[in-house]
Amino acid sequence: MVFCGRPSKGCHACRAKKTKCDAVPTGCTQCSNAGRKCPGYRSQVDLIFREETKNVIKKAKVKHEKAKQKGAELVSLNSTNSCSTTPSPYSSRGNSPRDVVKASQFNQVISVNYLNITPSIEDRATSFFLSNYVIGDNGPTRGHLDLLSDLYESDSIDDNLVSAVQAVGLAGYAHSAKAPHLINQARAQYAKSLQLTNTALQSPTAVKRDSTLLAILILGIFETITGCNQKSMKAWAEHIHGAAAVVKLRGPEAIKKNGGIRLLAQVTSSLLISCIQRDIPLPEYIIEITEFAEKEMTNVDPAWIAQRIMIDYTSFNARYYAGYYSDSQELLDDAEALDERFLAFFTNIPKGWEFTIVQTDKDPDVVFDGYYHVYYDHWVAQIWNAIRELRILLNETIREVLLKDFTSPVPSLLGSEYAERFQICTEIIYHLQAEILASVPQHMGYVSRNSGHTQLWSGFEKDGFGTDFPTIRFSGGYFLIWPLFLVGNLRLSTPEVRAFCVKNLRYVGTQMGIQHANLLATIVEQKIPVTVWNEQRPQLSGRILDEDSATPNENQNQGMEYSQTIPV
């Protein structure tokens, strides 16, 4: 892999005509003015590193052949000259013991150099991570960890982030290349990144660097990939809450930096998962910084609007489980108001967010109930699923409240409208459950609108190593594990749905090497309670983690470090 510089962000038509492209996500203005359909844009992340091994090998071979020819000409010339005199035993330079050794050394150098053009295992790990877990900001919404590519291009990436990327890359590459011995190397890089990150947390300046925050997030991904027990689920949450603490230290000013809002959204999306799992609200400072960030925006991304509704749901959910609601009607009113906001997001989607429904009777192992969805990419699909998940949980809460009242000695929710509402909630849950399952093929890499593939390209159990298939990113499986876990764990789930979720979680675990998928499959299959969610909220040790403390200052991070242990 070689770094190829910053590639053009223009569409194919503008690059071919060598005209400046404004790269509008929904289609560039130049194509619109010319009356043609904009062909779309290349993923910037995929273009950062390009496979050049064959070209380098070819050049090396040509150079080697020229060197051999030149050496042969010299030997021939020396042999001719030696015929005119009486030669000594070593008069020919090409035949002297010293020159024989030199020739041998020369061939060894050529051989060593030839081998060295192969990318190092660290380079392969980095490339693996970038190609599988970084999604460029080239679609209808922001990408996933796309700020990382900017840091690599600007050469402003710190060692703790380099080690974190290599740790995840090595863990993934170890599975992909069937080289389990690399796991130990991955854990060593994880430990190194953890140590360097703890050092960065002691510095008033380093703690605010983008590399520090990204490193913590990526260390969380490492836990998801390698963790085989519930303790690793807690370790993941510790990383996420640690990242939230760093956001507090960075303060609102970090939002104004390039990529600051994207980093905040990245932390918040993971933090939402952890808080919902534990039925607790988001830290107040995260909500305040989010509100500040929204005021700084000129154009509000639809994904940001979705996240804002998710934040409000998290607050509602925490109030419900904390016993805030004494009046069932008040709870139902708040829940239905939230549900209307979720529904409004579904019905007012902008261009690029729509999906295609494809009917098929093929591959029932990966296609549930004879149809699947095709989205712009699996990042957009993931955002759709996140909204569906919370809407499922919301309607489960409504059902729970109604059912509890229906069976109480003195029910307060009388009238046919409540029974009707109970039935509507049930139908909504079944519908959203099916919609999540319809996203499985694209998350698995079986279909892709981006590459023109809207038909399944191989059977579920086949290797599918053909030349005409969509690019598979392991992040697709990474985004899929929690939606599948939720659907499989629902009280309303049928045995068929549960079995489908378990099978696909196992597939993500065994084929993509994401070990949390295997763990969640076992939890769903055996109906095991997740006890770590009932424990005290995961935190970092140190004063910074007191959420009610005063506004952070330059010295508040002193003594802050991870209580994280290295997985074995």
Protein backbone atom coordinates (compact mmCIF):
# COMPACT_ATOMS: atom_id res chain seq x y z
CA MET A 1 0.00 0.00 0.00
CA VAL A 2 1.29 3.45 -0.79
CA PHE A 3 -0.02 6.85 0.17
CA CYS A 4 -1.25 8.57 -2.97
CA GLY A 5 -1.89 12.08 -1.73
CA ARG A 6 -5.24 13.83 -1.52
CA PRO A 7 -7.44 12.60 -4.39
CA SER A 8 -10.00 14.71 -6.23
CA LYS A 9 -13.41 14.82 -4.57
CA GLY A 10 -15.16 15.57 -7.86
CA CYS A 11 -17.61 13.26 -9.58
CA HIS A 12 -16.52 11.07 -12.49
CA ALA A 13 -18.07 13.36 -15.12
CA CYS A 14 -16.31 16.49 -13.82
CA ARG A 15 -12.98 14.67 -13.51
CA ALA A 16 -13.31 13.41 -17.10
CA LYS A 17 -14.09 16.91 -18.38
CA LYS A 18 -11.50 18.45 -16.02
CA THR A 19 -14.01 20.93 -14.66
CA LYS A 20 -14.28 22.07 -11.06
CA CYS A 21 -16.90 20.07 -9.15
CA ASP A 22 -18.72 21.50 -6.12
CA ALA A 23 -19.37 17.93 -4.81
CA VAL A 24 -22.89 18.57 -3.53
CA PRO A 25 -23.92 15.31 -1.74
CA THR A 26 -27.17 14.96 -3.70
CA GLY A 27 -25.46 15.58 -7.07
CA CYS A 28 -23.12 18.32 -8.25
CA THR A 29 -24.37 21.59 -9.71
CA GLN A 30 -22.26 21.17 -12.87
CA CYS A 31 -24.05 17.94 -13.82
CA SER A 32 -27.40 19.48 -12.96
CA ASN A 33 -26.73 22.48 -15.21
CA ALA A 34 -25.62 20.17 -18.02
CA GLY A 35 -28.84 18.18 -17.74
CA ARG A 36 -27.13 14.91 -16.86
CA LYS A 37 -27.38 12.63 -13.85
CA CYS A 38 -24.44 13.07 -11.51
CA PRO A 39 -22.60 9.70 -11.30
CA GLY A 40 -21.62 10.28 -7.66
CA TYR A 41 -18.31 10.51 -5.87
CA ARG A 42 -15.51 8.19 -4.95
CA SER A 43 -14.92 7.26 -1.32
CA GLN A 44 -12.00 9.42 -0.19
CA VAL A 45 -10.97 6.90 2.44
CA ASP A 46 -10.69 4.07 -0.08
CA LEU A 47 -8.38 6.23 -2.22
CA ILE A 48 -5.94 7.20 0.53
CA PHE A 49 -4.09 3.91 0.21
CA ARG A 50 -3.77 2.22 -3.15
CA GLU A 51 -2.51 -1.28 -3.90
CA GLU A 52 0.80 -0.73 -5.72
CA THR A 53 2.65 -3.93 -4.84
CA LYS A 54 2.50 -5.36 -8.38
CA ASN A 55 3.83 -2.15 -9.92
CA VAL A 56 6.68 -1.96 -7.41
CA ILE A 57 7.60 -5.60 -7.99
CA LYS A 58 7.59 -5.04 -11.76
CA LYS A 59 9.89 -2.02 -11.42
CA ALA A 60 12.20 -3.94 -9.11
CA LYS A 61 12.45 -6.84 -11.57
CA VAL A 62 13.25 -4.49 -14.46
CA LYS A 63 15.93 -2.79 -12.38
CA HIS A 64 17.34 -6.16 -11.35
CA GLU A 65 17.51 -7.38 -14.97
CA LYS A 66 19.32 -4.20 -16.04
CA ALA A 67 21.80 -4.67 -13.21
CA LYS A 68 22.44 -8.28 -14.26
CA GLN A 69 22.98 -7.25 -17.89
CA LYS A 70 25.39 -4.53 -16.85
CA GLY A 71 27.25 -7.00 -14.64
CA ALA A 72 27.46 -9.50 -17.50
CA GLU A 73 28.89 -6.82 -19.84
CA LEU A 74 31.57 -5.96 -17.28
CA VAL A 75 32.54 -9.61 -16.85
CA SER A 76 32.71 -10.05 -20.65
CA LEU A 77 34.89 -6.94 -21.04
CA ASN A 78 37.29 -8.03 -18.30
CA SER A 79 37.58 -11.52 -19.78
CA THR A 80 38.49 -10.07 -23.20
CA ASN A 81 41.14 -7.78 -21.77
CA SER A 82 42.79 -10.57 -19.79
CA CYS A 83 43.57 -12.53 -22.98
CA SER A 84 46.19 -9.98 -24.10
CA THR A 85 48.47 -10.64 -21.13
CA THR A 86 49.44 -13.51 -18.91
CA PRO A 87 46.79 -13.41 -16.30
CA SER A 88 47.39 -14.02 -12.61
CA PRO A 89 45.00 -16.43 -10.91
CA TYR A 90 42.88 -13.47 -9.79
CA SER A 91 43.51 -10.97 -12.54
CA SER A 92 39.88 -11.06 -13.70
CA ARG A 93 37.76 -8.93 -11.36
CA GLY A 94 34.72 -11.00 -12.13
CA ASN A 95 36.47 -14.19 -11.01
CA SER A 96 38.33 -13.11 -7.87
CA PRO A 97 37.19 -14.57 -4.53
CA ARG A 98 36.51 -11.04 -3.33
CA ASP A 99 34.30 -10.31 -6.34
CA VAL A 100 32.54 -13.65 -6.02
CA VAL A 101 31.58 -12.65 -2.49
CA LYS A 102 30.46 -9.23 -3.76
CA ALA A 103 28.29 -10.84 -6.42
CA SER A 104 26.74 -13.10 -3.82
CA GLN A 105 26.09 -10.14 -1.55
CA PHE A 106 24.60 -8.20 -4.46
CA ASN A 107 22.14 -11.01 -5.18
CA GLN A 108 21.25 -11.18 -1.49
CA VAL A 109 20.60 -7.43 -1.42
CA ILE A 110 18.36 -7.73 -4.46
CA SER A 111 16.53 -10.60 -2.78
CA VAL A 112 16.13 -8.73 0.51
CA ASN A 113 14.98 -5.55 -1.22
CA TYR A 114 12.54 -7.56 -3.26
CA LEU A 115 11.02 -8.96 -0.06
CA ASN A 116 10.98 -5.59 1.65
CA ILE A 117 8.62 -4.06 -0.90
CA THR A 118 5.87 -6.16 0.68
CA PRO A 119 3.95 -3.98 3.17
CA SER A 120 4.83 -4.55 6.82
CA ILE A 121 2.28 -6.19 9.08
CA GLU A 122 1.69 -2.81 10.76
CA ASP A 123 0.97 -1.21 7.37
CA ARG A 124 -1.40 -4.02 6.50
CA ALA A 125 -3.17 -3.63 9.84
CA THR A 126 -3.54 0.12 9.31
CA SER A 127 -4.87 -0.38 5.79
CA PHE A 128 -7.25 -3.08 7.06
CA PHE A 129 -8.68 -0.71 9.65
CA LEU A 130 -9.05 2.22 7.25
CA SER A 131 -10.74 0.14 4.58
CA ASN A 132 -13.08 -1.66 6.98
CA TYR A 133 -14.00 0.81 9.71
CA VAL A 134 -13.61 4.29 8.22
CA ILE A 135 -16.44 5.55 6.01
CA GLY A 136 -15.75 8.74 4.10
CA ASP A 137 -17.96 11.80 4.22
CA ASN A 138 -19.09 11.32 0.62
CA GLY A 139 -22.73 10.28 0.97
CA PRO A 140 -25.96 11.92 2.10
CA THR A 141 -24.61 12.19 5.65
CA ARG A 142 -21.31 12.36 7.54
CA GLY A 143 -19.07 9.32 7.63
CA HIS A 144 -17.83 7.02 10.39
CA LEU A 145 -14.44 7.96 11.90
CA ASP A 146 -13.77 9.92 8.70
CA LEU A 147 -11.72 12.50 10.63
CA LEU A 148 -9.06 9.81 10.94
CA SER A 149 -8.20 10.05 7.24
CA ASP A 150 -7.71 13.81 7.62
CA LEU A 151 -5.25 13.26 10.48
CA TYR A 152 -3.26 10.74 8.42
CA GLU A 153 -3.13 13.10 5.45
CA SER A 154 -2.00 16.05 7.58
CA ASP A 155 0.56 13.89 9.42
CA SER A 156 -0.82 15.11 12.76
CA ILE A 157 -1.61 11.68 14.18
CA ASP A 158 -0.19 10.85 17.63
CA ASP A 159 1.40 7.56 18.65
CA ASN A 160 -1.49 6.56 20.92
CA LEU A 161 -3.87 6.75 17.95
CA VAL A 162 -1.44 4.91 15.66
CA SER A 163 -1.24 2.06 18.19
CA ALA A 164 -5.02 1.98 18.65
CA VAL A 165 -5.58 1.74 14.89
CA GLN A 166 -2.96 -0.99 14.60
CA ALA A 167 -4.46 -2.90 17.54
CA VAL A 168 -7.90 -3.08 15.89
CA GLY A 169 -6.38 -3.62 12.45
CA LEU A 170 -4.18 -6.48 13.67
CA ALA A 171 -7.11 -8.11 15.47
CA GLY A 172 -9.21 -7.95 12.31
CA TYR A 173 -6.36 -8.92 10.01
CA ALA A 174 -5.50 -11.88 12.26
CA HIS A 175 -8.96 -13.29 11.64
CA SER A 176 -9.10 -12.36 7.96
CA ALA A 177 -5.67 -13.86 7.21
CA LYS A 178 -6.25 -16.82 9.54
CA ALA A 179 -3.18 -15.82 11.56
CA PRO A 180 -4.24 -16.15 15.23
CA HIS A 181 -0.69 -15.50 16.42
CA LEU A 182 -1.21 -11.84 15.49
CA ILE A 183 -3.76 -11.46 18.30
CA ASN A 184 -0.92 -11.24 20.83
CA GLN A 185 0.65 -8.48 18.74
CA ALA A 186 -2.74 -6.73 18.62
CA ARG A 187 -3.03 -6.90 22.41
CA ALA A 188 0.47 -5.49 22.74
CA GLN A 189 -0.51 -2.52 20.58
CA TYR A 190 -3.69 -2.13 22.65
CA ALA A 191 -1.64 -2.01 25.85
CA LYS A 192 0.76 0.48 24.27
CA SER A 193 -2.07 2.74 23.14
CA LEU A 194 -3.70 2.54 26.57
CA GLN A 195 -0.44 3.56 28.25
CA LEU A 196 0.17 6.42 25.83
CA THR A 197 -3.43 7.59 26.19
CA ASN A 198 -3.14 7.64 29.98
CA THR A 199 -0.02 9.77 29.56
CA ALA A 200 -1.91 12.12 27.23
CA LEU A 201 -4.66 12.48 29.82
CA GLN A 202 -2.13 14.02 32.22
CA SER A 203 -1.30 16.81 29.78
CA PRO A 204 -3.57 19.89 29.62
CA THR A 205 -2.88 20.15 25.87
CA ALA A 206 -2.62 16.50 24.78
CA VAL A 207 -5.91 15.60 26.45
CA LYS A 208 -7.69 18.00 24.09
CA ARG A 209 -6.12 16.67 20.91
CA ASP A 210 -8.31 14.88 18.37
CA SER A 211 -5.91 11.94 18.43
CA THR A 212 -6.58 11.34 22.12
CA LEU A 213 -10.35 11.25 21.71
CA LEU A 214 -10.20 9.08 18.59
CA ALA A 215 -7.78 6.68 20.28
CA ILE A 216 -10.23 6.11 23.14
CA LEU A 217 -13.10 5.46 20.71
CA ILE A 218 -11.02 3.00 18.70
CA LEU A 219 -9.89 1.20 21.85
CA GLY A 220 -13.60 0.63 22.44
CA ILE A 221 -13.87 -1.00 19.01
CA PHE A 222 -11.02 -3.31 20.03
CA GLU A 223 -13.13 -4.54 22.96
CA THR A 224 -16.02 -5.31 20.63
CA ILE A 225 -13.82 -7.25 18.24
CA THR A 226 -11.87 -9.29 20.80
CA GLY A 227 -14.16 -9.47 23.84
CA CYS A 228 -15.63 -12.88 24.61
CA ASN A 229 -17.42 -12.24 27.92
CA GLN A 230 -19.64 -9.69 29.62
CA LYS A 231 -16.64 -8.03 31.27
CA SER A 232 -15.55 -6.90 27.81
CA MET A 233 -18.96 -5.25 27.37
CA LYS A 234 -18.24 -3.28 30.52
CA ALA A 235 -14.74 -2.47 29.25
CA TRP A 236 -16.26 -1.10 26.03
CA ALA A 237 -18.56 1.15 28.05
CA GLU A 238 -15.61 2.38 30.14
CA HIS A 239 -13.90 3.56 26.98
CA ILE A 240 -17.05 5.32 25.79
CA HIS A 241 -17.66 7.10 29.09
CA GLY A 242 -13.97 7.96 29.14
CA ALA A 243 -14.36 9.59 25.74
CA ALA A 244 -17.32 11.56 27.11
CA ALA A 245 -15.14 12.82 29.97
CA VAL A 246 -12.57 14.01 27.44
CA VAL A 247 -15.34 15.83 25.52
CA LYS A 248 -16.09 17.68 28.75
CA LEU A 249 -12.44 18.68 29.08
CA ARG A 250 -12.24 19.83 25.48
CA GLY A 251 -15.19 22.11 26.10
CA PRO A 252 -17.41 23.94 23.59
CA GLU A 253 -14.41 25.54 21.87
CA ALA A 254 -13.43 22.16 20.40
CA ILE A 255 -16.68 22.19 18.42
CA LYS A 256 -15.42 25.11 16.34
CA LYS A 257 -12.40 23.13 15.13
CA ASN A 258 -12.48 21.27 11.83
CA GLY A 259 -14.13 17.94 12.53
CA GLY A 260 -15.12 18.92 16.08
CA ILE A 261 -18.83 18.39 15.52
CA ARG A 262 -18.22 15.06 13.81
CA LEU A 263 -16.16 13.86 16.77
CA LEU A 264 -18.86 14.96 19.20
CA ALA A 265 -21.50 13.09 17.20
CA GLN A 266 -19.29 9.99 17.16
CA VAL A 267 -18.89 10.00 20.94
CA THR A 268 -22.57 10.78 21.53
CA SER A 269 -23.82 7.95 19.30
CA SER A 270 -21.81 5.37 21.26
CA LEU A 271 -22.69 7.00 24.58
CA LEU A 272 -26.39 6.74 23.73
CA ILE A 273 -26.07 2.96 23.42
CA SER A 274 -24.36 2.64 26.80
CA CYS A 275 -26.82 4.94 28.59
CA ILE A 276 -29.88 3.21 27.12
CA GLN A 277 -28.49 -0.19 28.11
CA ARG A 278 -28.21 1.06 31.69
CA ASP A 279 -31.41 3.14 31.68
CA ILE A 280 -29.54 6.30 32.64
CA PRO A 281 -29.57 9.77 31.04
CA LEU A 282 -26.75 11.29 29.05
CA PRO A 283 -24.42 13.50 31.10
CA GLU A 284 -25.79 17.03 31.21
CA TYR A 285 -22.59 18.49 29.79
CA ILE A 286 -22.96 16.33 26.66
CA ILE A 287 -26.47 17.68 26.13
CA GLU A 288 -25.25 21.27 26.65
CA ILE A 289 -22.33 20.88 24.22
CA THR A 290 -24.69 19.27 21.70
CA GLU A 291 -27.03 22.25 21.92
CA PHE A 292 -24.07 24.60 21.49
CA ALA A 293 -22.89 22.65 18.44
CA GLU A 294 -26.31 22.86 16.81
CA LYS A 295 -26.20 26.65 17.06
CA GLU A 296 -22.86 26.61 15.23
CA MET A 297 -24.26 24.70 12.25
CA THR A 298 -25.28 26.39 9.02
CA ASN A 299 -26.92 23.23 7.65
CA VAL A 300 -28.17 20.61 10.10
CA ASP A 301 -27.40 17.07 8.97
CA PRO A 302 -30.44 14.72 9.06
CA ALA A 303 -28.33 12.31 11.12
CA TRP A 304 -27.89 15.07 13.68
CA ILE A 305 -31.67 15.58 13.84
CA ALA A 306 -32.09 11.85 14.40
CA GLN A 307 -29.49 11.90 17.15
CA ARG A 308 -31.25 14.79 18.86
CA ILE A 309 -34.47 12.73 19.06
CA MET A 310 -32.43 9.81 20.42
CA ILE A 311 -31.03 12.04 23.16
CA ASP A 312 -34.55 13.05 24.16
CA TYR A 313 -35.61 9.39 24.17
CA THR A 314 -32.69 8.54 26.47
CA SER A 315 -33.86 11.21 28.93
CA PHE A 316 -37.43 9.87 28.79
CA ASN A 317 -36.23 6.29 29.30
CA ALA A 318 -34.12 7.29 32.32
CA ARG A 319 -37.06 9.13 33.89
CA TYR A 320 -39.31 6.12 33.37
CA TYR A 321 -36.94 3.64 35.04
CA ALA A 322 -36.14 6.10 37.83
CA GLY A 323 -39.84 6.18 38.76
CA TYR A 324 -40.35 9.78 37.71
CA TYR A 325 -43.83 9.15 36.31
CA SER A 326 -46.57 8.72 38.90
CA ASP A 327 -49.30 9.39 36.35
CA SER A 328 -49.63 6.78 33.60
CA GLN A 329 -51.41 9.20 31.31
CA GLU A 330 -48.55 11.71 31.54
CA LEU A 331 -46.10 8.96 30.62
CA LEU A 332 -48.22 7.90 27.65
CA ASP A 333 -48.50 11.49 26.45
CA ASP A 334 -44.72 11.98 26.57
CA ALA A 335 -44.11 8.62 24.88
CA GLU A 336 -46.56 9.30 22.06
CA ALA A 337 -45.07 12.76 21.47
CA LEU A 338 -41.65 11.14 21.05
CA ASP A 339 -43.09 8.47 18.77
CA GLU A 340 -44.57 11.16 16.54
CA ARG A 341 -41.12 12.76 16.23
CA PHE A 342 -39.59 9.43 15.24
CA LEU A 343 -42.35 8.88 12.70
CA ALA A 344 -41.87 12.39 11.30
CA PHE A 345 -38.20 11.62 10.65
CA PHE A 346 -39.20 8.51 8.69
CA THR A 347 -41.75 10.37 6.58
CA ASN A 348 -39.65 13.48 5.82
CA ILE A 349 -36.41 11.90 4.67
CA PRO A 350 -34.17 13.92 2.33
CA LYS A 351 -32.78 12.69 -0.98
CA GLY A 352 -30.26 9.90 -0.59
CA TRP A 353 -31.86 8.51 2.55
CA GLU A 354 -34.51 6.45 0.80
CA PHE A 355 -34.13 2.69 0.37
CA THR A 356 -35.19 0.17 -2.26
CA ILE A 357 -37.21 -2.94 -1.38
CA VAL A 358 -36.16 -6.08 -3.25
CA GLN A 359 -38.31 -9.23 -3.26
CA THR A 360 -36.55 -12.58 -3.51
CA ASP A 361 -36.93 -16.22 -2.53
CA LYS A 362 -33.16 -16.79 -2.46
CA ASP A 363 -30.80 -17.16 0.50
CA PRO A 364 -33.32 -17.50 3.35
CA ASP A 365 -30.39 -17.72 5.77
CA VAL A 366 -29.59 -14.06 5.18
CA VAL A 367 -32.90 -12.78 3.72
CA PHE A 368 -35.78 -12.98 6.17
CA ASP A 369 -39.35 -13.35 4.95
CA GLY A 370 -38.50 -12.96 1.25
CA TYR A 371 -37.35 -9.34 0.96
CA TYR A 372 -34.51 -6.99 1.85
CA HIS A 373 -33.61 -3.30 1.69
CA VAL A 374 -30.87 -1.54 -0.26
CA TYR A 375 -29.67 1.77 1.19
CA TYR A 376 -27.11 4.29 -0.06
CA ASP A 377 -24.58 2.48 2.16
CA HIS A 378 -24.64 0.56 5.42
CA TRP A 379 -23.85 3.75 7.37
CA VAL A 380 -27.20 5.21 6.29
CA ALA A 381 -28.79 1.82 7.04
CA GLN A 382 -27.27 1.93 10.51
CA ILE A 383 -28.87 5.31 11.26
CA TRP A 384 -32.25 4.03 10.07
CA ASN A 385 -31.86 1.01 12.34
CA ALA A 386 -30.87 3.15 15.33
CA ILE A 387 -34.16 5.04 15.04
CA ARG A 388 -36.07 1.78 14.59
CA GLU A 389 -34.45 0.31 17.69
CA LEU A 390 -35.43 3.23 19.91
CA ARG A 391 -38.93 3.31 18.48
CA ILE A 392 -39.24 -0.39 19.29
CA LEU A 393 -38.10 0.25 22.87
CA LEU A 394 -40.48 3.20 23.15
CA ASN A 395 -43.47 1.17 22.00
CA GLU A 396 -42.45 -1.67 24.30
CA THR A 397 -42.60 0.80 27.18
CA ILE A 398 -46.09 1.93 26.11
CA ARG A 399 -47.24 -1.71 25.92
CA GLU A 400 -45.73 -2.42 29.33
CA VAL A 401 -47.51 0.52 30.96
CA LEU A 402 -50.83 -0.35 29.32
CA LEU A 403 -50.57 -4.04 30.19
CA LYS A 404 -49.70 -3.25 33.79
CA ASP A 405 -52.74 -1.00 34.06
CA PHE A 406 -55.04 -3.49 32.31
CA THR A 407 -54.14 -6.19 34.85
CA SER A 408 -54.23 -3.98 37.96
CA PRO A 409 -57.12 -4.37 40.46
CA VAL A 410 -58.21 -0.79 39.80
CA PRO A 411 -57.31 0.17 36.20
CA SER A 412 -57.13 3.87 35.42
CA LEU A 413 -56.77 3.71 31.64
CA LEU A 414 -60.32 2.90 30.67
CA GLY A 415 -61.80 3.09 27.22
CA SER A 416 -61.41 1.29 23.91
CA GLU A 417 -58.74 3.74 22.70
CA TYR A 418 -56.23 2.23 25.14
CA ALA A 419 -56.86 -1.31 23.92
CA GLU A 420 -56.51 -0.02 20.38
CA ARG A 421 -53.27 1.73 21.29
CA PHE A 422 -51.95 -1.53 22.75
CA GLN A 423 -52.65 -3.32 19.47
CA ILE A 424 -51.07 -0.51 17.42
CA CYS A 425 -47.90 -0.68 19.53
CA THR A 426 -47.69 -4.42 18.94
CA GLU A 427 -48.04 -3.99 15.17
CA ILE A 428 -45.43 -1.19 15.14
CA ILE A 429 -42.92 -3.42 16.94
CA TYR A 430 -43.46 -6.30 14.51
CA HIS A 431 -43.11 -3.94 11.54
CA LEU A 432 -39.91 -2.30 12.80
CA GLN A 433 -38.49 -5.69 13.69
CA ALA A 434 -38.99 -6.84 10.09
CA GLU A 435 -37.44 -3.60 8.76
CA ILE A 436 -34.26 -4.19 10.78
CA LEU A 437 -34.01 -7.76 9.53
CA ALA A 438 -34.39 -6.47 5.96
CA SER A 439 -31.12 -4.54 6.38
CA VAL A 440 -29.09 -7.68 7.14
CA PRO A 441 -27.95 -8.48 3.54
CA GLN A 442 -26.44 -5.03 3.00
CA HIS A 443 -24.71 -4.99 6.38
CA MET A 444 -23.25 -8.39 5.52
CA GLY A 445 -21.94 -7.04 2.22
CA TYR A 446 -24.26 -9.09 0.02
CA VAL A 447 -25.74 -6.07 -1.74
CA SER A 448 -24.62 -2.50 -2.35
CA ARG A 449 -26.31 0.39 -4.09
CA ASN A 450 -22.99 2.26 -4.21
CA SER A 451 -21.38 -0.36 -6.44
CA GLY A 452 -24.49 -1.00 -8.53
CA HIS A 453 -25.32 -4.32 -6.89
CA THR A 454 -28.94 -4.68 -5.84
CA GLN A 455 -29.07 -8.46 -6.28
CA LEU A 456 -27.58 -10.99 -3.90
CA TRP A 457 -24.19 -12.04 -5.21
CA SER A 458 -23.62 -15.35 -3.42
CA GLY A 459 -25.17 -17.92 -1.14
CA PHE A 460 -24.93 -17.52 2.61
CA GLU A 461 -22.48 -20.36 3.15
CA LYS A 462 -20.38 -19.70 0.03
CA ASP A 463 -17.01 -18.01 0.08
CA GLY A 464 -17.98 -15.74 -2.80
CA PHE A 465 -14.46 -14.99 -3.94
CA GLY A 466 -15.50 -13.92 -7.43
CA THR A 467 -14.46 -10.84 -9.31
CA ASP A 468 -17.87 -9.20 -9.41
CA PHE A 469 -19.16 -8.64 -5.92
CA PRO A 470 -19.66 -5.66 -3.59
CA THR A 471 -16.89 -4.53 -1.27
CA ILE A 472 -17.42 -6.07 2.16
CA ARG A 473 -16.57 -3.87 5.13
CA PHE A 474 -16.36 -5.44 8.57
CA SER A 475 -18.00 -2.28 9.93
CA GLY A 476 -21.23 -3.56 8.36
CA GLY A 477 -21.20 -6.46 10.79
CA TYR A 478 -20.03 -4.15 13.58
CA PHE A 479 -23.08 -1.91 13.07
CA LEU A 480 -25.43 -4.89 12.87
CA ILE A 481 -24.77 -6.69 16.15
CA TRP A 482 -26.87 -4.46 18.45
CA PRO A 483 -29.91 -4.28 16.15
CA LEU A 484 -29.88 -8.08 15.81
CA PHE A 485 -29.45 -8.49 19.55
CA LEU A 486 -32.43 -6.22 20.26
CA VAL A 487 -34.69 -7.93 17.72
CA GLY A 488 -33.71 -11.40 18.90
CA ASN A 489 -34.19 -10.50 22.54
CA LEU A 490 -37.67 -8.98 22.21
CA ARG A 491 -40.46 -10.63 24.18
CA LEU A 492 -42.55 -10.56 21.00
CA SER A 493 -39.91 -12.33 18.89
CA THR A 494 -40.98 -15.64 17.40
CA PRO A 495 -38.67 -18.68 17.51
CA GLU A 496 -38.00 -18.16 13.78
CA VAL A 497 -36.91 -14.56 14.31
CA ARG A 498 -34.76 -15.51 17.28
CA ALA A 499 -33.06 -18.29 15.31
CA PHE A 500 -32.43 -15.93 12.37
CA CYS A 501 -30.81 -13.36 14.66
CA VAL A 502 -28.65 -15.96 16.38
CA LYS A 503 -27.50 -17.43 13.06
CA ASN A 504 -26.50 -14.06 11.65
CA LEU A 505 -24.81 -12.96 14.87
CA ARG A 506 -22.81 -16.19 14.70
CA TYR A 507 -21.93 -15.40 11.10
CA VAL A 508 -20.63 -11.95 12.05
CA GLY A 509 -18.64 -13.52 14.86
CA THR A 510 -17.12 -16.40 12.93
CA GLN A 511 -16.73 -14.87 9.46
CA MET A 512 -15.87 -11.28 10.42
CA GLY A 513 -14.12 -12.05 13.68
CA ILE A 514 -16.23 -9.67 15.81
CA GLN A 515 -16.34 -11.65 19.03
CA HIS A 516 -19.08 -9.62 20.72
CA ALA A 517 -21.42 -11.00 18.05
CA ASN A 518 -20.77 -14.54 19.29
CA LEU A 519 -21.28 -13.37 22.87
CA LEU A 520 -24.60 -11.69 22.03
CA ALA A 521 -25.73 -14.74 20.05
CA THR A 522 -25.22 -16.90 23.14
CA ILE A 523 -27.11 -14.39 25.31
CA VAL A 524 -30.07 -14.40 22.91
CA GLU A 525 -30.02 -18.16 22.37
CA GLN A 526 -29.79 -19.09 26.05
CA LYS A 527 -31.74 -16.07 27.36
CA ILE A 528 -28.89 -15.06 29.65
CA PRO A 529 -29.33 -11.77 31.57
CA VAL A 530 -26.72 -9.08 30.93
CA THR A 531 -25.61 -8.49 34.51
CA VAL A 532 -22.96 -5.86 33.76
CA TRP A 533 -25.68 -3.40 32.77
CA ASN A 534 -27.01 -3.52 36.31
CA GLU A 535 -23.69 -2.56 37.83
CA GLN A 536 -22.59 0.96 38.64
CA ARG A 537 -21.99 3.17 35.63
CA PRO A 538 -18.54 2.55 34.06
CA GLN A 539 -16.23 5.47 34.76
CA LEU A 540 -12.69 6.67 34.66
CA SER A 541 -11.03 7.22 38.02
CA GLY A 542 -10.29 10.78 39.04
CA ARG A 543 -12.07 14.06 39.75
CA ILE A 544 -12.96 14.68 36.13
CA LEU A 545 -15.68 12.02 36.24
CA ASP A 546 -17.84 13.81 38.77
CA GLU A 547 -20.60 14.95 36.42
CA ASP A 548 -21.82 17.55 38.90
CA SER A 549 -18.39 19.10 39.31
CA ALA A 550 -17.56 22.62 38.26
CA THR A 551 -16.72 23.53 34.69
CA PRO A 552 -13.46 21.74 33.75
CA ASN A 553 -10.29 23.79 33.68
CA GLU A 554 -6.78 23.27 32.41
CA ASN A 555 -5.65 21.41 35.55
CA GLN A 556 -8.75 19.34 36.22
CA ASN A 557 -7.44 16.35 34.30
CA GLN A 558 -4.48 15.87 36.62
CA GLY A 559 -4.55 12.35 38.02
CA MET A 560 -7.07 11.20 35.42
CA GLU A 561 -6.41 7.72 34.09
CA TYR A 562 -8.18 4.65 32.87
CA SER A 563 -9.34 2.06 35.36
CA GLN A 564 -9.22 -0.17 32.30
CA THR A 565 -7.49 -3.55 32.43
CA ILE A 566 -5.86 -5.20 29.46
CA PRO A 567 -7.96 -8.11 28.13
CA VAL A 568 -6.38 -11.54 28.18
